[in-house]
C-alpha atoms as a PDB file:
ATOM      1  CA  MET A   1     -12.141  -4.019 -15.351  1.00  0.00           C
ATOM      2  CA  ARG A   2     -10.942  -0.472 -14.918  1.00  0.00           C
ATOM      3  CA  GLN A   3      -8.820   1.135 -17.485  1.00  0.00           C
ATOM      4  CA  LEU A   4      -6.346   4.134 -17.033  1.00  0.00           C
ATOM      5  CA  LYS A   5      -7.168   7.344 -18.983  1.00  0.00           C
ATOM      6  CA  HIS A   6      -3.611   7.550 -20.502  1.00  0.00           C
ATOM      7  CA  LYS A   7      -1.517   4.582 -21.434  1.00  0.00           C
ATOM      8  CA  ARG A   8       1.885   6.338 -20.518  1.00  0.00           C
ATOM      9  CA  THR A   9       1.073   6.317 -16.722  1.00  0.00           C
ATOM     10  CA  LEU A  10       3.284   5.502 -13.972  1.00  0.00           C
ATOM     11  CA  LEU A  11       1.710   4.284 -10.709  1.00  0.00           C
ATOM     12  CA  ILE A  12       3.817   4.320  -7.544  1.00  0.00           C
ATOM     13  CA  VAL A  13       2.944   2.307  -4.623  1.00  0.00           C
ATOM     14  CA  THR A  14       5.084   3.451  -1.351  1.00  0.00           C
ATOM     15  CA  GLY A  15       4.931   3.456   2.284  1.00  0.00           C
ATOM     16  CA  CYS A  16       7.191   2.081   5.056  1.00  0.00           C
ATOM     17  CA  PRO A  17       7.868  -1.457   5.535  1.00  0.00           C
ATOM     18  CA  GLY A  18       4.929  -3.577   6.474  1.00  0.00           C
ATOM     19  CA  THR A  19       2.251  -1.521   4.988  1.00  0.00           C
ATOM     20  CA  GLY A  20       1.267  -4.070   2.256  1.00  0.00           C
ATOM     21  CA  LYS A  21       2.745  -2.613  -0.817  1.00  0.00           C
ATOM     22  CA  SER A  22       3.160  -5.925  -2.694  1.00  0.00           C
ATOM     23  CA  PHE A  23      -0.481  -6.833  -1.812  1.00  0.00           C
ATOM     24  CA  TRP A  24      -1.633  -3.416  -3.173  1.00  0.00           C
ATOM     25  CA  ALA A  25       0.366  -3.731  -6.240  1.00  0.00           C
ATOM     26  CA  GLN A  26      -1.217  -6.975  -7.161  1.00  0.00           C
ATOM     27  CA  ARG A  27      -4.801  -5.671  -6.435  1.00  0.00           C
ATOM     28  CA  ILE A  28      -4.258  -2.802  -8.834  1.00  0.00           C
ATOM     29  CA  ARG A  29      -2.755  -4.893 -11.405  1.00  0.00           C
ATOM     30  CA  ASP A  30      -5.604  -7.465 -11.084  1.00  0.00           C
ATOM     31  CA  GLU A  31      -8.278  -4.771 -11.299  1.00  0.00           C
ATOM     32  CA  ILE A  32      -6.922  -2.084 -13.705  1.00  0.00           C
ATOM     33  CA  GLN A  33      -6.396  -3.297 -17.283  1.00  0.00           C
ATOM     34  CA  GLY A  34      -2.786  -3.182 -18.824  1.00  0.00           C
ATOM     35  CA  VAL A  35      -0.629  -2.469 -15.880  1.00  0.00           C
ATOM     36  CA  ASP A  36       2.831  -3.915 -15.879  1.00  0.00           C
ATOM     37  CA  ILE A  37       4.391  -4.386 -12.462  1.00  0.00           C
ATOM     38  CA  LEU A  38       8.236  -3.722 -11.777  1.00  0.00           C
ATOM     39  CA  SER A  39       9.325  -4.828  -8.313  1.00  0.00           C
ATOM     40  CA  ASN A  40      12.651  -3.780  -6.947  1.00  0.00           C
ATOM     41  CA  ASP A  41      12.354  -6.697  -4.414  1.00  0.00           C
ATOM     42  CA  GLU A  42      12.161  -9.083  -7.166  1.00  0.00           C
ATOM     43  CA  ILE A  43      15.458  -7.778  -8.538  1.00  0.00           C
ATOM     44  CA  LYS A  44      17.091  -7.825  -5.118  1.00  0.00           C
ATOM     45  CA  GLU A  45      15.840 -11.396  -4.420  1.00  0.00           C
ATOM     46  CA  ARG A  46      17.382 -12.417  -7.728  1.00  0.00           C
ATOM     47  CA  ASN A  47      20.701 -10.908  -7.032  1.00  0.00           C
ATOM     48  CA  PHE A  48      20.617 -12.438  -3.564  1.00  0.00           C
ATOM     49  CA  ASP A  49      20.226 -15.892  -5.110  1.00  0.00           C
ATOM     50  CA  LEU A  50      22.867 -15.316  -7.986  1.00  0.00           C
ATOM     51  CA  TYR A  51      25.709 -13.673  -5.911  1.00  0.00           C
ATOM     52  CA  GLY A  52      24.974 -14.082  -2.161  1.00  0.00           C
ATOM     53  CA  PHE A  53      26.741 -11.989   0.547  1.00  0.00           C
ATOM     54  CA  ASP A  54      28.800 -12.508   3.524  1.00  0.00           C
ATOM     55  CA  ASN A  55      28.352  -9.504   5.619  1.00  0.00           C
ATOM     56  CA  ARG A  56      26.341  -6.364   5.988  1.00  0.00           C
ATOM     57  CA  GLU A  57      28.666  -4.279   3.777  1.00  0.00           C
ATOM     58  CA  GLU A  58      28.471  -6.836   0.914  1.00  0.00           C
ATOM     59  CA  LYS A  59      24.624  -6.900   1.179  1.00  0.00           C
ATOM     60  CA  ASP A  60      24.285  -3.127   1.128  1.00  0.00           C
ATOM     61  CA  ALA A  61      26.475  -3.069  -2.082  1.00  0.00           C
ATOM     62  CA  LEU A  62      24.252  -5.768  -3.700  1.00  0.00           C
ATOM     63  CA  ASN A  63      21.167  -3.829  -2.658  1.00  0.00           C
ATOM     64  CA  ALA A  64      22.686  -0.525  -4.345  1.00  0.00           C
ATOM     65  CA  ARG A  65      23.453  -2.525  -7.427  1.00  0.00           C
ATOM     66  CA  GLY A  66      19.895  -3.963  -7.477  1.00  0.00           C
ATOM     67  CA  LEU A  67      18.391  -0.402  -7.272  1.00  0.00           C
ATOM     68  CA  ASP A  68      20.686   0.705 -10.102  1.00  0.00           C
ATOM     69  CA  GLU A  69      19.240  -2.345 -12.058  1.00  0.00           C
ATOM     70  CA  PHE A  70      15.796  -1.401 -11.100  1.00  0.00           C
ATOM     71  CA  TYR A  71      16.088   2.185 -12.450  1.00  0.00           C
ATOM     72  CA  GLU A  72      17.489   0.799 -15.828  1.00  0.00           C
ATOM     73  CA  ALA A  73      14.722  -1.549 -16.180  1.00  0.00           C
ATOM     74  CA  LEU A  74      12.212   1.292 -15.433  1.00  0.00           C
ATOM     75  CA  ALA A  75      13.766   3.491 -17.943  1.00  0.00           C
ATOM     76  CA  GLN A  76      13.694   0.738 -20.542  1.00  0.00           C
ATOM     77  CA  ARG A  77      10.046   0.087 -19.960  1.00  0.00           C
ATOM     78  CA  MET A  78       9.111   3.701 -20.049  1.00  0.00           C
ATOM     79  CA  ALA A  79      10.819   4.099 -23.427  1.00  0.00           C
ATOM     80  CA  GLN A  80       8.476   1.442 -24.574  1.00  0.00           C
ATOM     81  CA  GLY A  81       5.479   3.604 -23.480  1.00  0.00           C
ATOM     82  CA  GLY A  82       3.261   1.197 -21.536  1.00  0.00           C
ATOM     83  CA  SER A  83       1.460   1.616 -18.213  1.00  0.00           C
ATOM     84  CA  ILE A  84       3.844   0.692 -15.410  1.00  0.00           C
ATOM     85  CA  LEU A  85       3.402   0.110 -11.575  1.00  0.00           C
ATOM     86  CA  ILE A  86       6.291   0.200  -9.472  1.00  0.00           C
ATOM     87  CA  GLU A  87       6.211  -0.765  -5.563  1.00  0.00           C
ATOM     88  CA  TYR A  88       9.023  -0.293  -3.102  1.00  0.00           C
ATOM     89  CA  PRO A  89       9.490   1.915   0.090  1.00  0.00           C
ATOM     90  CA  PHE A  90      10.309   4.882  -2.045  1.00  0.00           C
ATOM     91  CA  TYR A  91      11.380   7.824   0.164  1.00  0.00           C
ATOM     92  CA  GLN A  92      12.879  11.418  -0.540  1.00  0.00           C
ATOM     93  CA  ARG A  93      16.241  10.109  -1.606  1.00  0.00           C
ATOM     94  CA  HIS A  94      14.569   8.479  -4.655  1.00  0.00           C
ATOM     95  CA  ARG A  95      12.294  11.500  -5.508  1.00  0.00           C
ATOM     96  CA  GLN A  96      14.660  13.126  -7.789  1.00  0.00           C
ATOM     97  CA  ILE A  97      15.546  10.303  -9.803  1.00  0.00           C
ATOM     98  CA  LEU A  98      11.867   9.002 -10.358  1.00  0.00           C
ATOM     99  CA  ALA A  99      10.952  12.738 -11.169  1.00  0.00           C
ATOM    100  CA  GLY A 100      13.673  12.966 -13.736  1.00  0.00           C
ATOM    101  CA  LEU A 101      12.502   9.700 -15.540  1.00  0.00           C
ATOM    102  CA  ILE A 102       8.916  10.817 -15.575  1.00  0.00           C
ATOM    103  CA  GLU A 103      10.060  14.155 -17.153  1.00  0.00           C
ATOM    104  CA  LYS A 104      12.298  12.501 -19.690  1.00  0.00           C
ATOM    105  CA  TYR A 105       9.701  10.018 -20.886  1.00  0.00           C
ATOM    106  CA  ARG A 106       6.705  12.391 -20.400  1.00  0.00           C
ATOM    107  CA  TYR A 107       4.762  10.119 -18.007  1.00  0.00           C
ATOM    108  CA  ARG A 108       1.656  10.780 -16.067  1.00  0.00           C
ATOM    109  CA  THR A 109       2.022   9.680 -12.579  1.00  0.00           C
ATOM    110  CA  VAL A 110      -0.277   8.695  -9.673  1.00  0.00           C
ATOM    111  CA  THR A 111       1.099   7.783  -6.248  1.00  0.00           C
ATOM    112  CA  LEU A 112      -0.604   5.451  -3.759  1.00  0.00           C
ATOM    113  CA  PHE A 113       0.747   6.321  -0.210  1.00  0.00           C
ATOM    114  CA  LEU A 114       0.245   3.602   2.461  1.00  0.00           C
ATOM    115  CA  TYR A 115       0.287   4.926   6.008  1.00  0.00           C
ATOM    116  CA  GLY A 116      -1.089   3.801   9.533  1.00  0.00           C
ATOM    117  CA  ASP A 117      -0.503   3.485  13.193  1.00  0.00           C
ATOM    118  CA  MET A 118       3.337   2.839  13.384  1.00  0.00           C
ATOM    119  CA  LYS A 119       3.001   0.293  16.136  1.00  0.00           C
ATOM    120  CA  ALA A 120       0.591  -1.828  14.120  1.00  0.00           C
ATOM    121  CA  ILE A 121       2.711  -1.798  11.030  1.00  0.00           C
ATOM    122  CA  TYR A 122       5.721  -2.681  12.937  1.00  0.00           C
ATOM    123  CA  GLN A 123       4.093  -5.610  14.569  1.00  0.00           C
ATOM    124  CA  ARG A 124       2.748  -6.714  10.956  1.00  0.00           C
ATOM    125  CA  GLY A 125       6.169  -6.535   9.515  1.00  0.00           C
ATOM    126  CA  LYS A 126       7.726  -8.720  12.336  1.00  0.00           C
ATOM    127  CA  ARG A 127       4.889 -11.268  11.684  1.00  0.00           C
ATOM    128  CA  ARG A 128       5.758 -11.156   7.826  1.00  0.00           C
ATOM    129  CA  ASP A 129       9.310 -11.746   8.635  1.00  0.00           C
ATOM    130  CA  SER A 130       8.871 -14.620  10.800  1.00  0.00           C
ATOM    131  CA  SER A 131       6.126 -16.261   8.711  1.00  0.00           C
ATOM    132  CA  GLY A 132       8.690 -18.282   6.511  1.00  0.00           C
ATOM    133  CA  ASN A 133       7.341 -16.667   3.336  1.00  0.00           C
ATOM    134  CA  ARG A 134       9.993 -13.921   3.295  1.00  0.00           C
ATOM    135  CA  HIS A 135      13.218 -14.466   1.184  1.00  0.00           C
ATOM    136  CA  PRO A 136      15.944 -14.996   3.641  1.00  0.00           C
ATOM    137  CA  GLY A 137      18.104 -12.400   2.004  1.00  0.00           C
ATOM    138  CA  HIS A 138      15.986  -9.750   3.529  1.00  0.00           C
ATOM    139  CA  LEU A 139      16.432 -11.098   7.012  1.00  0.00           C
ATOM    140  CA  LEU A 140      20.173 -12.055   7.142  1.00  0.00           C
ATOM    141  CA  ASP A 141      23.521 -10.441   7.069  1.00  0.00           C
ATOM    142  CA  CYS A 142      24.970 -13.600   5.431  1.00  0.00           C
ATOM    143  CA  TYR A 143      23.090 -15.578   2.844  1.00  0.00           C
ATOM    144  CA  HIS A 144      24.016 -18.053  -0.043  1.00  0.00           C
ATOM    145  CA  LYS A 145      21.336 -19.912  -2.046  1.00  0.00           C
ATOM    146  CA  GLY A 146      21.555 -23.663  -1.357  1.00  0.00           C
ATOM    147  CA  VAL A 147      23.701 -23.081   1.911  1.00  0.00           C
ATOM    148  CA  THR A 148      21.510 -20.942   4.148  1.00  0.00           C
ATOM    149  CA  PRO A 149      18.714 -22.896   5.748  1.00  0.00           C
ATOM    150  CA  PRO A 150      15.097 -22.362   4.427  1.00  0.00           C
ATOM    151  CA  PRO A 151      13.102 -19.382   5.844  1.00  0.00           C
ATOM    152  CA  ASP A 152      11.191 -21.526   8.296  1.00  0.00           C
ATOM    153  CA  GLN A 153      14.536 -22.559  10.079  1.00  0.00           C
ATOM    154  CA  ILE A 154      16.322 -19.355  10.307  1.00  0.00           C
ATOM    155  CA  GLN A 155      16.536 -16.605  13.025  1.00  0.00           C
ATOM    156  CA  PRO A 156      16.663 -13.150  11.525  1.00  0.00           C
ATOM    157  CA  THR A 157      19.799 -11.181  12.072  1.00  0.00           C
ATOM    158  CA  VAL A 158      18.450  -7.877  10.591  1.00  0.00           C
ATOM    159  CA  GLU A 159      15.761  -6.988  13.065  1.00  0.00           C
ATOM    160  CA  LEU A 160      14.997  -3.317  14.098  1.00  0.00           C
ATOM    161  CA  SER A 161      13.533  -2.495  17.608  1.00  0.00           C
ATOM    162  CA  TYR A 162      10.349  -0.468  17.369  1.00  0.00           C
ATOM    163  CA  GLU A 163      12.225   2.611  18.303  1.00  0.00           C
ATOM    164  CA  GLU A 164      14.761   2.149  15.586  1.00  0.00           C
ATOM    165  CA  PHE A 165      11.951   1.451  13.071  1.00  0.00           C
ATOM    166  CA  LEU A 166      10.236   4.654  14.122  1.00  0.00           C
ATOM    167  CA  THR A 167      13.451   6.680  13.708  1.00  0.00           C
ATOM    168  CA  SER A 168      14.319   5.214  10.412  1.00  0.00           C
ATOM    169  CA  CYS A 169      10.690   5.863   8.941  1.00  0.00           C
ATOM    170  CA  GLY A 170      10.820   9.352  10.262  1.00  0.00           C
ATOM    171  CA  LYS A 171      13.972  10.280   8.691  1.00  0.00           C
ATOM    172  CA  LYS A 172      13.181   8.819   5.288  1.00  0.00           C
ATOM    173  CA  ASN A 173       9.602  10.085   4.830  1.00  0.00           C
ATOM    174  CA  TYR A 174       7.979   7.612   2.204  1.00  0.00           C
ATOM    175  CA  ASP A 175       5.293  10.202   1.361  1.00  0.00           C
ATOM    176  CA  VAL A 176       6.989  11.247  -1.803  1.00  0.00           C
ATOM    177  CA  ARG A 177       3.930  12.856  -3.480  1.00  0.00           C
ATOM    178  CA  ILE A 178       4.980  12.542  -7.119  1.00  0.00           C
ATOM    179  CA  GLY A 179       1.982  13.454  -9.181  1.00  0.00           C
ATOM    180  CA  PRO A 180      -1.620  13.137  -7.570  1.00  0.00           C
ATOM    181  CA  THR A 181      -1.430  11.240  -4.598  1.00  0.00           C
ATOM    182  CA  VAL A 182      -4.074   8.672  -2.946  1.00  0.00           C
ATOM    183  CA  SER A 183      -3.506   8.201   0.589  1.00  0.00           C
ATOM    184  CA  LEU A 184      -4.834   5.046   2.453  1.00  0.00           C
ATOM    185  CA  ASP A 185      -4.697   4.163   6.092  1.00  0.00           C
ATOM    186  CA  VAL A 186      -3.806   0.533   6.362  1.00  0.00           C
ATOM    187  CA  THR A 187      -4.023   0.291  10.114  1.00  0.00           C
ATOM    188  CA  ASP A 188      -6.964  -1.942   9.992  1.00  0.00           C
ATOM    189  CA  LEU A 189      -6.579  -4.297   6.977  1.00  0.00           C
ATOM    190  CA  ALA A 190     -10.384  -5.089   6.800  1.00  0.00           C
ATOM    191  CA  GLU A 191     -11.116  -1.347   6.616  1.00  0.00           C
ATOM    192  CA  ALA A 192      -8.444  -0.655   4.021  1.00  0.00           C
ATOM    193  CA  ASP A 193      -9.888  -3.538   2.028  1.00  0.00           C
ATOM    194  CA  ALA A 194     -13.357  -2.234   2.112  1.00  0.00           C
ATOM    195  CA  LYS A 195     -11.934   0.999   0.605  1.00  0.00           C
ATOM    196  CA  ALA A 196     -10.339  -0.770  -2.300  1.00  0.00           C
ATOM    197  CA  PRO A 197     -13.166   0.145  -4.923  1.00  0.00           C
ATOM    198  CA  TRP A 198     -12.559   3.829  -3.911  1.00  0.00           C
ATOM    199  CA  VAL A 199      -8.759   3.663  -4.172  1.00  0.00           C
ATOM    200  CA  LEU A 200      -9.215   2.082  -7.482  1.00  0.00           C
ATOM    201  CA  ASP A 201     -11.562   4.637  -8.869  1.00  0.00           C
ATOM    202  CA  GLU A 202      -9.333   7.422  -7.433  1.00  0.00           C
ATOM    203  CA  ILE A 203      -6.216   6.047  -9.191  1.00  0.00           C
ATOM    204  CA  VAL A 204      -8.000   5.885 -12.493  1.00  0.00           C
ATOM    205  CA  ALA A 205      -9.596   9.342 -12.015  1.00  0.00           C
ATOM    206  CA  ARG A 206      -6.194  10.888 -11.333  1.00  0.00           C
ATOM    207  CA  SER A 207      -4.196   9.297 -14.149  1.00  0.00           C
END
């Protein structure tokens, strides 16, 4: 199993929705020793279930609360000094906050930036959202645990057209490049998977 050069290393996995950030986060955790994952989606989904929401405004407020909780949890873990991996569609708005935490806790940082053909990524995201495996809170503007139908019985109300998706991704720019950056084209999943040993070796080398 691979091992990072420095224990106080923050690994950032970012890219637009549909690029496979959760998959790659798990792959890194499984093949690099001692990496602890912190996922903002897990915090969001816990809050969806705890509090629920009745409209888009309430959902946005809950998402903002979840992001604050994510940064608090990240600061706590960085204070403890272990190796951490965070995965989320981080974009330029998040860069300053992350950079501040990295400087405060004196962490080394490596970013894995996932990118690819936007049409392919958009279609992949649509398939994920309709698979029944996605938490309904991501797909709806009204959700309450135990009241909302299960994922395989719902029709998403949060669904961007390809043009809207492309515009949103262009404005946000997920290529945050905090610390050394490893960029991976995930257009073809088989080709990306074949490059996994190289990706893992590059992350270790730059840590």
